[in-house]
Amino acid sequence: MDGPINGGMMYHEVQELKLCAVHCVNTVLQGSFFSEFDFAALASDLDRTERQMMIQSSDDFARFGGAADESHNVSMGGDFSIQVCDLFDALGFG
């Protein structure tokens, strides 16, 4: 991730991969505060919480593919779900 550009007047990260959410949050906060690993950790926690909630609320969870371990909150290309971005906001980072 790049540091300040434009003579230090404004922080801006150059787009890498599909990490739009990471770059957006860091640009808003005006610094390289978070990495894709921070977002991935939140996505993983959210996936785990969602699975637990679905298991508790549905007897049919496993029958409809509930045992799958794939993430619905981050893609292999680095796209994060809006729910992950909402978590950053709810935690006071956005």
PDB file of N, CA and C in Angstrom:
ATOM      1  N   MET A   1       0.839  -1.164   0.000  1.00  0.00           N
ATOM      2  CA  MET A   1       0.000   0.000   0.000  1.00  0.00           C
ATOM      3  C   MET A   1       0.892   1.237   0.000  1.00  0.00           C
ATOM      4  N   ASP A   2       0.505   2.199  -0.763  1.00  0.00           N
ATOM      5  CA  ASP A   2       1.299   3.404  -0.911  1.00  0.00           C
ATOM      6  C   ASP A   2       0.987   4.403   0.183  1.00  0.00           C
ATOM      7  N   GLY A   3       1.934   5.288   0.381  1.00  0.00           N
ATOM      8  CA  GLY A   3       1.759   6.321   1.376  1.00  0.00           C
ATOM      9  C   GLY A   3       1.187   7.594   0.775  1.00  0.00           C
ATOM     10  N   PRO A   4       1.353   8.707   1.473  1.00  0.00           N
ATOM     11  CA  PRO A   4       0.788   9.973   1.010  1.00  0.00           C
ATOM     12  C   PRO A   4       1.335  10.364  -0.358  1.00  0.00           C
ATOM     13  N   ILE A   5       0.466  10.898  -1.196  1.00  0.00           N
ATOM     14  CA  ILE A   5       0.894  11.453  -2.470  1.00  0.00           C
ATOM     15  C   ILE A   5       0.402  12.893  -2.522  1.00  0.00           C
ATOM     16  N   ASN A   6       0.602  13.568  -3.626  1.00  0.00           N
ATOM     17  CA  ASN A   6       0.193  14.970  -3.783  1.00  0.00           C
ATOM     18  C   ASN A   6       0.896  15.863  -2.759  1.00  0.00           C
ATOM     19  N   GLY A   7       2.185  15.624  -2.550  1.00  0.00           N
ATOM     20  CA  GLY A   7       2.930  16.477  -1.629  1.00  0.00           C
ATOM     21  C   GLY A   7       2.509  16.318  -0.179  1.00  0.00           C
ATOM     22  N   GLY A   8       1.893  15.213   0.178  1.00  0.00           N
ATOM     23  CA  GLY A   8       1.466  14.982   1.543  1.00  0.00           C
ATOM     24  C   GLY A   8       0.170  15.669   1.911  1.00  0.00           C
ATOM     25  N   MET A   9      -0.493  16.277   0.927  1.00  0.00           N
ATOM     26  CA  MET A   9      -1.727  16.995   1.204  1.00  0.00           C
ATOM     27  C   MET A   9      -2.902  16.054   1.474  1.00  0.00           C
ATOM     28  N   MET A  10      -2.894  14.902   0.797  1.00  0.00           N
ATOM     29  CA  MET A  10      -4.000  13.968   0.966  1.00  0.00           C
ATOM     30  C   MET A  10      -3.487  12.551   0.798  1.00  0.00           C
ATOM     31  N   TYR A  11      -3.912  11.670   1.674  1.00  0.00           N
ATOM     32  CA  TYR A  11      -3.530  10.267   1.583  1.00  0.00           C
ATOM     33  C   TYR A  11      -4.393   9.577   0.539  1.00  0.00           C
ATOM     34  N   HIS A  12      -3.759   8.786  -0.298  1.00  0.00           N
ATOM     35  CA  HIS A  12      -4.486   8.024  -1.317  1.00  0.00           C
ATOM     36  C   HIS A  12      -3.745   6.719  -1.561  1.00  0.00           C
ATOM     37  N   GLU A  13      -4.484   5.618  -1.585  1.00  0.00           N
ATOM     38  CA  GLU A  13      -3.879   4.324  -1.901  1.00  0.00           C
ATOM     39  C   GLU A  13      -4.157   3.971  -3.355  1.00  0.00           C
ATOM     40  N   VAL A  14      -3.131   3.522  -4.033  1.00  0.00           N
ATOM     41  CA  VAL A  14      -3.278   3.064  -5.402  1.00  0.00           C
ATOM     42  C   VAL A  14      -3.997   1.721  -5.375  1.00  0.00           C
ATOM     43  N   GLN A  15      -4.972   1.554  -6.248  1.00  0.00           N
ATOM     44  CA  GLN A  15      -5.781   0.330  -6.297  1.00  0.00           C
ATOM     45  C   GLN A  15      -4.911  -0.887  -6.592  1.00  0.00           C
ATOM     46  N   GLU A  16      -5.010  -1.919  -5.758  1.00  0.00           N
ATOM     47  CA  GLU A  16      -4.348  -3.200  -5.956  1.00  0.00           C
ATOM     48  C   GLU A  16      -5.416  -4.277  -5.920  1.00  0.00           C
ATOM     49  N   LEU A  17      -5.334  -5.182  -6.864  1.00  0.00           N
ATOM     50  CA  LEU A  17      -6.293  -6.285  -6.957  1.00  0.00           C
ATOM     51  C   LEU A  17      -7.716  -5.731  -6.891  1.00  0.00           C
ATOM     52  N   LYS A  18      -8.560  -6.386  -6.124  1.00  0.00           N
ATOM     53  CA  LYS A  18      -9.940  -5.916  -5.955  1.00  0.00           C
ATOM     54  C   LYS A  18     -10.173  -5.529  -4.498  1.00  0.00           C
ATOM     55  N   LEU A  19      -9.218  -4.893  -3.910  1.00  0.00           N
ATOM     56  CA  LEU A  19      -9.289  -4.546  -2.489  1.00  0.00           C
ATOM     57  C   LEU A  19      -9.904  -3.169  -2.282  1.00  0.00           C
ATOM     58  N   CYS A  20     -10.983  -2.895  -3.003  1.00  0.00           N
ATOM     59  CA  CYS A  20     -11.621  -1.570  -2.960  1.00  0.00           C
ATOM     60  C   CYS A  20     -11.986  -1.156  -1.537  1.00  0.00           C
ATOM     61  N   ALA A  21     -12.541  -2.071  -0.774  1.00  0.00           N
ATOM     62  CA  ALA A  21     -12.984  -1.731   0.582  1.00  0.00           C
ATOM     63  C   ALA A  21     -11.807  -1.319   1.461  1.00  0.00           C
ATOM     64  N   VAL A  22     -10.700  -2.041   1.354  1.00  0.00           N
ATOM     65  CA  VAL A  22      -9.514  -1.715   2.149  1.00  0.00           C
ATOM     66  C   VAL A  22      -9.001  -0.325   1.777  1.00  0.00           C
ATOM     67  N   HIS A  23      -8.867  -0.078   0.480  1.00  0.00           N
ATOM     68  CA  HIS A  23      -8.362   1.212   0.018  1.00  0.00           C
ATOM     69  C   HIS A  23      -9.309   2.350   0.389  1.00  0.00           C
ATOM     70  N   CYS A  24     -10.593   2.102   0.291  1.00  0.00           N
ATOM     71  CA  CYS A  24     -11.586   3.118   0.623  1.00  0.00           C
ATOM     72  C   CYS A  24     -11.514   3.502   2.095  1.00  0.00           C
ATOM     73  N   VAL A  25     -11.496   2.519   2.978  1.00  0.00           N
ATOM     74  CA  VAL A  25     -11.446   2.794   4.423  1.00  0.00           C
ATOM     75  C   VAL A  25     -10.158   3.535   4.775  1.00  0.00           C
ATOM     76  N   ASN A  26      -9.026   3.078   4.237  1.00  0.00           N
ATOM     77  CA  ASN A  26      -7.763   3.753   4.538  1.00  0.00           C
ATOM     78  C   ASN A  26      -7.725   5.178   3.990  1.00  0.00           C
ATOM     79  N   THR A  27      -8.326   5.393   2.835  1.00  0.00           N
ATOM     80  CA  THR A  27      -8.367   6.747   2.272  1.00  0.00           C
ATOM     81  C   THR A  27      -9.238   7.662   3.132  1.00  0.00           C
ATOM     82  N   VAL A  28     -10.373   7.156   3.564  1.00  0.00           N
ATOM     83  CA  VAL A  28     -11.255   7.951   4.425  1.00  0.00           C
ATOM     84  C   VAL A  28     -10.549   8.288   5.741  1.00  0.00           C
ATOM     85  N   LEU A  29      -9.822   7.330   6.284  1.00  0.00           N
ATOM     86  CA  LEU A  29      -9.119   7.539   7.550  1.00  0.00           C
ATOM     87  C   LEU A  29      -7.794   8.282   7.369  1.00  0.00           C
ATOM     88  N   GLN A  30      -7.390   8.484   6.095  1.00  0.00           N
ATOM     89  CA  GLN A  30      -6.171   9.202   5.751  1.00  0.00           C
ATOM     90  C   GLN A  30      -4.904   8.558   6.311  1.00  0.00           C
ATOM     91  N   GLY A  31      -4.793   7.236   6.128  1.00  0.00           N
ATOM     92  CA  GLY A  31      -3.592   6.517   6.523  1.00  0.00           C
ATOM     93  C   GLY A  31      -3.732   5.035   6.250  1.00  0.00           C
ATOM     94  N   SER A  32      -2.620   4.350   6.236  1.00  0.00           N
ATOM     95  CA  SER A  32      -2.620   2.903   5.990  1.00  0.00           C
ATOM     96  C   SER A  32      -2.870   2.169   7.308  1.00  0.00           C
ATOM     97  N   PHE A  33      -4.115   2.219   7.763  1.00  0.00           N
ATOM     98  CA  PHE A  33      -4.465   1.653   9.060  1.00  0.00           C
ATOM     99  C   PHE A  33      -4.815   0.167   8.983  1.00  0.00           C
ATOM    100  N   PHE A  34      -5.390  -0.256   7.867  1.00  0.00           N
ATOM    101  CA  PHE A  34      -5.872  -1.630   7.749  1.00  0.00           C
ATOM    102  C   PHE A  34      -5.346  -2.282   6.494  1.00  0.00           C
ATOM    103  N   SER A  35      -5.172  -3.598   6.569  1.00  0.00           N
ATOM    104  CA  SER A  35      -4.720  -4.386   5.422  1.00  0.00           C
ATOM    105  C   SER A  35      -5.825  -5.350   5.013  1.00  0.00           C
ATOM    106  N   GLU A  36      -5.589  -6.030   3.907  1.00  0.00           N
ATOM    107  CA  GLU A  36      -6.550  -7.042   3.487  1.00  0.00           C
ATOM    108  C   GLU A  36      -6.678  -8.149   4.530  1.00  0.00           C
ATOM    109  N   PHE A  37      -5.648  -8.355   5.342  1.00  0.00           N
ATOM    110  CA  PHE A  37      -5.691  -9.386   6.382  1.00  0.00           C
ATOM    111  C   PHE A  37      -6.660  -8.996   7.503  1.00  0.00           C
ATOM    112  N   ASP A  38      -6.735  -7.709   7.821  1.00  0.00           N
ATOM    113  CA  ASP A  38      -7.692  -7.237   8.823  1.00  0.00           C
ATOM    114  C   ASP A  38      -9.118  -7.471   8.340  1.00  0.00           C
ATOM    115  N   PHE A  39      -9.361  -7.130   7.073  1.00  0.00           N
ATOM    116  CA  PHE A  39     -10.694  -7.339   6.501  1.00  0.00           C
ATOM    117  C   PHE A  39     -11.018  -8.826   6.414  1.00  0.00           C
ATOM    118  N   ALA A  40     -10.029  -9.636   6.026  1.00  0.00           N
ATOM    119  CA  ALA A  40     -10.247 -11.086   5.913  1.00  0.00           C
ATOM    120  C   ALA A  40     -10.571 -11.703   7.272  1.00  0.00           C
ATOM    121  N   ALA A  41      -9.934 -11.207   8.327  1.00  0.00           N
ATOM    122  CA  ALA A  41     -10.221 -11.713   9.675  1.00  0.00           C
ATOM    123  C   ALA A  41     -11.661 -11.395  10.071  1.00  0.00           C
ATOM    124  N   LEU A  42     -12.113 -10.170   9.767  1.00  0.00           N
ATOM    125  CA  LEU A  42     -13.504  -9.810  10.061  1.00  0.00           C
ATOM    126  C   LEU A  42     -14.466 -10.656   9.233  1.00  0.00           C
ATOM    127  N   ALA A  43     -14.134 -10.885   7.955  1.00  0.00           N
ATOM    128  CA  ALA A  43     -14.979 -11.709   7.086  1.00  0.00           C
ATOM    129  C   ALA A  43     -15.075 -13.130   7.628  1.00  0.00           C
ATOM    130  N   SER A  44     -13.971 -13.662   8.096  1.00  0.00           N
ATOM    131  CA  SER A  44     -13.955 -15.017   8.663  1.00  0.00           C
ATOM    132  C   SER A  44     -14.807 -15.091   9.926  1.00  0.00           C
ATOM    133  N   ASP A  45     -14.673 -14.097  10.789  1.00  0.00           N
ATOM    134  CA  ASP A  45     -15.490 -14.044  12.009  1.00  0.00           C
ATOM    135  C   ASP A  45     -16.974 -13.950  11.660  1.00  0.00           C
ATOM    136  N   LEU A  46     -17.287 -13.141  10.662  1.00  0.00           N
ATOM    137  CA  LEU A  46     -18.670 -12.982  10.235  1.00  0.00           C
ATOM    138  C   LEU A  46     -19.210 -14.279   9.636  1.00  0.00           C
ATOM    139  N   ASP A  47     -18.407 -14.965   8.829  1.00  0.00           N
ATOM    140  CA  ASP A  47     -18.811 -16.265   8.274  1.00  0.00           C
ATOM    141  C   ASP A  47     -19.135 -17.252   9.394  1.00  0.00           C
ATOM    142  N   ARG A  48     -18.268 -17.301  10.396  1.00  0.00           N
ATOM    143  CA  ARG A  48     -18.452 -18.223  11.522  1.00  0.00           C
ATOM    144  C   ARG A  48     -19.743 -17.894  12.281  1.00  0.00           C
ATOM    145  N   THR A  49     -19.965 -16.614  12.525  1.00  0.00           N
ATOM    146  CA  THR A  49     -21.173 -16.184  13.232  1.00  0.00           C
ATOM    147  C   THR A  49     -22.427 -16.511  12.426  1.00  0.00           C
ATOM    148  N   GLU A  50     -22.371 -16.252  11.123  1.00  0.00           N
ATOM    149  CA  GLU A  50     -23.525 -16.554  10.261  1.00  0.00           C
ATOM    150  C   GLU A  50     -23.825 -18.052  10.253  1.00  0.00           C
ATOM    151  N   ARG A  51     -22.770 -18.882  10.166  1.00  0.00           N
ATOM    152  CA  ARG A  51     -22.974 -20.336  10.179  1.00  0.00           C
ATOM    153  C   ARG A  51     -23.632 -20.781  11.487  1.00  0.00           C
ATOM    154  N   GLN A  52     -23.145 -20.253  12.595  1.00  0.00           N
ATOM    155  CA  GLN A  52     -23.705 -20.608  13.908  1.00  0.00           C
ATOM    156  C   GLN A  52     -25.180 -20.229  14.000  1.00  0.00           C
ATOM    157  N   MET A  53     -25.507 -19.035  13.510  1.00  0.00           N
ATOM    158  CA  MET A  53     -26.893 -18.576  13.556  1.00  0.00           C
ATOM    159  C   MET A  53     -27.783 -19.462  12.682  1.00  0.00           C
ATOM    160  N   MET A  54     -27.286 -19.850  11.523  1.00  0.00           N
ATOM    161  CA  MET A  54     -28.083 -20.696  10.632  1.00  0.00           C
ATOM    162  C   MET A  54     -28.249 -22.097  11.212  1.00  0.00           C
ATOM    163  N   ILE A  55     -27.204 -22.604  11.855  1.00  0.00           N
ATOM    164  CA  ILE A  55     -27.297 -23.926  12.479  1.00  0.00           C
ATOM    165  C   ILE A  55     -28.339 -23.899  13.592  1.00  0.00           C
ATOM    166  N   GLN A  56     -28.327 -22.857  14.400  1.00  0.00           N
ATOM    167  CA  GLN A  56     -29.252 -22.751  15.518  1.00  0.00           C
ATOM    168  C   GLN A  56     -30.688 -22.520  15.069  1.00  0.00           C
ATOM    169  N   SER A  57     -30.863 -21.892  13.908  1.00  0.00           N
ATOM    170  CA  SER A  57     -32.218 -21.551  13.495  1.00  0.00           C
ATOM    171  C   SER A  57     -32.835 -22.508  12.486  1.00  0.00           C
ATOM    172  N   SER A  58     -32.076 -23.494  12.031  1.00  0.00           N
ATOM    173  CA  SER A  58     -32.623 -24.368  11.004  1.00  0.00           C
ATOM    174  C   SER A  58     -32.163 -25.806  11.163  1.00  0.00           C
ATOM    175  N   ASP A  59     -33.123 -26.711  11.192  1.00  0.00           N
ATOM    176  CA  ASP A  59     -32.798 -28.132  11.217  1.00  0.00           C
ATOM    177  C   ASP A  59     -32.319 -28.596   9.849  1.00  0.00           C
ATOM    178  N   ASP A  60     -32.654 -27.838   8.816  1.00  0.00           N
ATOM    179  CA  ASP A  60     -32.308 -28.213   7.452  1.00  0.00           C
ATOM    180  C   ASP A  60     -30.981 -27.616   6.988  1.00  0.00           C
ATOM    181  N   PHE A  61     -30.243 -26.978   7.858  1.00  0.00           N
ATOM    182  CA  PHE A  61     -29.012 -26.284   7.486  1.00  0.00           C
ATOM    183  C   PHE A  61     -28.042 -27.187   6.733  1.00  0.00           C
ATOM    184  N   ALA A  62     -27.714 -28.339   7.288  1.00  0.00           N
ATOM    185  CA  ALA A  62     -26.758 -29.247   6.650  1.00  0.00           C
ATOM    186  C   ALA A  62     -27.302 -29.794   5.335  1.00  0.00           C
ATOM    187  N   ARG A  63     -28.579 -30.047   5.278  1.00  0.00           N
ATOM    188  CA  ARG A  63     -29.188 -30.597   4.066  1.00  0.00           C
ATOM    189  C   ARG A  63     -29.080 -29.623   2.891  1.00  0.00           C
ATOM    190  N   PHE A  64     -29.072 -28.333   3.160  1.00  0.00           N
ATOM    191  CA  PHE A  64     -28.996 -27.329   2.101  1.00  0.00           C
ATOM    192  C   PHE A  64     -27.582 -26.780   1.929  1.00  0.00           C
ATOM    193  N   GLY A  65     -26.585 -27.577   2.218  1.00  0.00           N
ATOM    194  CA  GLY A  65     -25.205 -27.153   1.983  1.00  0.00           C
ATOM    195  C   GLY A  65     -24.607 -26.344   3.095  1.00  0.00           C
ATOM    196  N   GLY A  66     -25.148 -26.403   4.262  1.00  0.00           N
ATOM    197  CA  GLY A  66     -24.657 -25.614   5.379  1.00  0.00           C
ATOM    198  C   GLY A  66     -23.291 -26.012   5.866  1.00  0.00           C
ATOM    199  N   ALA A  67     -22.831 -27.183   5.514  1.00  0.00           N
ATOM    200  CA  ALA A  67     -21.529 -27.638   5.975  1.00  0.00           C
ATOM    201  C   ALA A  67     -20.391 -27.034   5.159  1.00  0.00           C
ATOM    202  N   ALA A  68     -20.702 -26.346   4.088  1.00  0.00           N
ATOM    203  CA  ALA A  68     -19.668 -25.769   3.235  1.00  0.00           C
ATOM    204  C   ALA A  68     -18.851 -24.737   4.003  1.00  0.00           C
ATOM    205  N   ASP A  69     -17.563 -24.715   3.737  1.00  0.00           N
ATOM    206  CA  ASP A  69     -16.661 -23.807   4.438  1.00  0.00           C
ATOM    207  C   ASP A  69     -16.320 -22.554   3.637  1.00  0.00           C
ATOM    208  N   GLU A  70     -16.880 -22.415   2.429  1.00  0.00           N
ATOM    209  CA  GLU A  70     -16.522 -21.246   1.632  1.00  0.00           C
ATOM    210  C   GLU A  70     -17.087 -19.978   2.271  1.00  0.00           C
ATOM    211  N   SER A  71     -16.390 -18.893   2.019  1.00  0.00           N
ATOM    212  CA  SER A  71     -16.802 -17.611   2.577  1.00  0.00           C
ATOM    213  C   SER A  71     -17.816 -16.941   1.667  1.00  0.00           C
ATOM    214  N   HIS A  72     -18.769 -16.305   2.281  1.00  0.00           N
ATOM    215  CA  HIS A  72     -19.718 -15.486   1.544  1.00  0.00           C
ATOM    216  C   HIS A  72     -19.438 -14.008   1.797  1.00  0.00           C
ATOM    217  N   ASN A  73     -18.361 -13.736   2.509  1.00  0.00           N
ATOM    218  CA  ASN A  73     -18.040 -12.356   2.863  1.00  0.00           C
ATOM    219  C   ASN A  73     -16.725 -11.863   2.277  1.00  0.00           C
ATOM    220  N   VAL A  74     -15.998 -12.739   1.584  1.00  0.00           N
ATOM    221  CA  VAL A  74     -14.788 -12.334   0.865  1.00  0.00           C
ATOM    222  C   VAL A  74     -14.583 -13.302  -0.290  1.00  0.00           C
ATOM    223  N   SER A  75     -14.215 -12.742  -1.443  1.00  0.00           N
ATOM    224  CA  SER A  75     -13.935 -13.588  -2.605  1.00  0.00           C
ATOM    225  C   SER A  75     -12.434 -13.844  -2.686  1.00  0.00           C
ATOM    226  N   MET A  76     -12.056 -14.798  -3.502  1.00  0.00           N
ATOM    227  CA  MET A  76     -10.631 -15.087  -3.684  1.00  0.00           C
ATOM    228  C   MET A  76      -9.901 -13.893  -4.318  1.00  0.00           C
ATOM    229  N   GLY A  77     -10.627 -13.036  -5.011  1.00  0.00           N
ATOM    230  CA  GLY A  77     -10.020 -11.868  -5.649  1.00  0.00           C
ATOM    231  C   GLY A  77      -9.866 -10.668  -4.739  1.00  0.00           C
ATOM    232  N   GLY A  78     -10.423 -10.742  -3.534  1.00  0.00           N
ATOM    233  CA  GLY A  78     -10.280  -9.634  -2.591  1.00  0.00           C
ATOM    234  C   GLY A  78     -11.493  -8.748  -2.450  1.00  0.00           C
ATOM    235  N   ASP A  79     -12.612  -9.141  -3.041  1.00  0.00           N
ATOM    236  CA  ASP A  79     -13.852  -8.383  -2.841  1.00  0.00           C
ATOM    237  C   ASP A  79     -14.447  -8.750  -1.490  1.00  0.00           C
ATOM    238  N   PHE A  80     -14.827  -7.746  -0.707  1.00  0.00           N
ATOM    239  CA  PHE A  80     -15.445  -7.978   0.590  1.00  0.00           C
ATOM    240  C   PHE A  80     -16.909  -7.594   0.533  1.00  0.00           C
ATOM    241  N   SER A  81     -17.732  -8.305   1.272  1.00  0.00           N
ATOM    242  CA  SER A  81     -19.168  -8.017   1.299  1.00  0.00           C
ATOM    243  C   SER A  81     -19.425  -6.699   2.018  1.00  0.00           C
ATOM    244  N   ILE A  82     -20.583  -6.138   1.745  1.00  0.00           N
ATOM    245  CA  ILE A  82     -20.969  -4.896   2.416  1.00  0.00           C
ATOM    246  C   ILE A  82     -21.107  -5.128   3.920  1.00  0.00           C
ATOM    247  N   GLN A  83     -21.407  -6.351   4.329  1.00  0.00           N
ATOM    248  CA  GLN A  83     -21.519  -6.657   5.762  1.00  0.00           C
ATOM    249  C   GLN A  83     -20.179  -6.481   6.472  1.00  0.00           C
ATOM    250  N   VAL A  84     -19.073  -6.806   5.795  1.00  0.00           N
ATOM    251  CA  VAL A  84     -17.752  -6.607   6.389  1.00  0.00           C
ATOM    252  C   VAL A  84     -17.491  -5.108   6.554  1.00  0.00           C
ATOM    253  N   CYS A  85     -17.844  -4.337   5.542  1.00  0.00           N
ATOM    254  CA  CYS A  85     -17.681  -2.875   5.626  1.00  0.00           C
ATOM    255  C   CYS A  85     -18.555  -2.306   6.730  1.00  0.00           C
ATOM    256  N   ASP A  86     -19.764  -2.828   6.885  1.00  0.00           N
ATOM    257  CA  ASP A  86     -20.646  -2.385   7.961  1.00  0.00           C
ATOM    258  C   ASP A  86     -20.030  -2.682   9.327  1.00  0.00           C
ATOM    259  N   LEU A  87     -19.343  -3.811   9.458  1.00  0.00           N
ATOM    260  CA  LEU A  87     -18.697  -4.145  10.723  1.00  0.00           C
ATOM    261  C   LEU A  87     -17.623  -3.116  11.075  1.00  0.00           C
ATOM    262  N   PHE A  88     -16.830  -2.710  10.087  1.00  0.00           N
ATOM    263  CA  PHE A  88     -15.825  -1.678  10.342  1.00  0.00           C
ATOM    264  C   PHE A  88     -16.491  -0.404  10.835  1.00  0.00           C
ATOM    265  N   ASP A  89     -17.606  -0.049  10.231  1.00  0.00           N
ATOM    266  CA  ASP A  89     -18.346   1.143  10.650  1.00  0.00           C
ATOM    267  C   ASP A  89     -18.888   0.971  12.058  1.00  0.00           C
ATOM    268  N   ALA A  90     -19.479  -0.200  12.334  1.00  0.00           N
ATOM    269  CA  ALA A  90     -20.054  -0.460  13.658  1.00  0.00           C
ATOM    270  C   ALA A  90     -18.985  -0.480  14.750  1.00  0.00           C
ATOM    271  N   LEU A  91     -17.786  -0.894  14.386  1.00  0.00           N
ATOM    272  CA  LEU A  91     -16.690  -0.931  15.359  1.00  0.00           C
ATOM    273  C   LEU A  91     -16.043   0.447  15.542  1.00  0.00           C
ATOM    274  N   GLY A  92     -16.544   1.427  14.815  1.00  0.00           N
ATOM    275  CA  GLY A  92     -16.048   2.789  14.971  1.00  0.00           C
ATOM    276  C   GLY A  92     -14.872   3.129  14.084  1.00  0.00           C
ATOM    277  N   PHE A  93     -14.626   2.320  13.032  1.00  0.00           N
ATOM    278  CA  PHE A  93     -13.486   2.595  12.162  1.00  0.00           C
ATOM    279  C   PHE A  93     -13.869   3.312  10.887  1.00  0.00           C
ATOM    280  N   GLY A  94     -15.172   3.419  10.592  1.00  0.00           N
ATOM    281  CA  GLY A  94     -15.573   4.003   9.309  1.00  0.00           C
ATOM    282  C   GLY A  94     -16.122   5.384   9.475  1.00  0.00           C
TER     283      GLY A  94
END
